[in-house]
Amino acid sequence: MVEDILKHISELSPLWIYVALFFFSFVENVFPPSPSDLVVVIGGSLIAESTIHFIPALLITTIGSVIGFMTLFLIGGQLDKKVVHAGKIKFISIKSVDKVENWFMKYGYQIILANRFLPGTRSVISFFAGLSKLDFKKTVILSAISALVWNSIIIYLGMIFGYNIKKVDQLISTYNNVAIIITVVIVLYFVVRFFIQKKKNRS
């Protein structure tokens, strides 16, 4: 699979390679999962071959990531405003939305800054950031910083490893798996602590 993606992308003209980098960076934030990180790594390998250049690739992937992130952010904002508080979505209670809003008001901007390093939750973070009515400009800036740092790392990995993409793919997969496990453990900790505290309050 990796070799097939590499072959197809490397056969494109530089313009279409940049378009592919933008497309996958955007889609990964809106319709996960997608092989966007792998495609960006492949872009890095093509930089090593002088097919494309580092700065344009970094800017394009970052812009694609930010636009994708902000798309769900805006959808979340509209849903909260027009639908959820009207009680039209039965499985999303106003009370639960208020809890999410309070959570994001307390930790939200730190989460936005770290979102690119949290695999499997990027689209969820952007959606609930919109629900929580986080500041638009601040969210754009922090999501851009997060995407810029993450894309710089994986593009650089692609440049170092060149066409040996499988090593980078394995490295990213290992990181994603570890990060997901840590995220699940943290979430479970707070859920258990919440129910224990609730039980104590009832007592």
Foldseek 3Di string as FASTA:
>chain_A
DLVVLLVVLVPDQQVVLLVVLLVLLQCVLAPDDDCNLLSLLSVLLVCLVVRYHDPSSLVSSLVSNLVNLQVLLQVLQVCLVPPAVVCNDVVRHPVNLVVLLVVCVVCVLVCLLQLVLQPPCNNVSSNSNSSNVDPPVSSSVSNSNNSSVVSVVSSVNSSVCRSPSVVVVVVVVVSNVVSNVVVVVVVVVVVVVVVVVVVVVVD
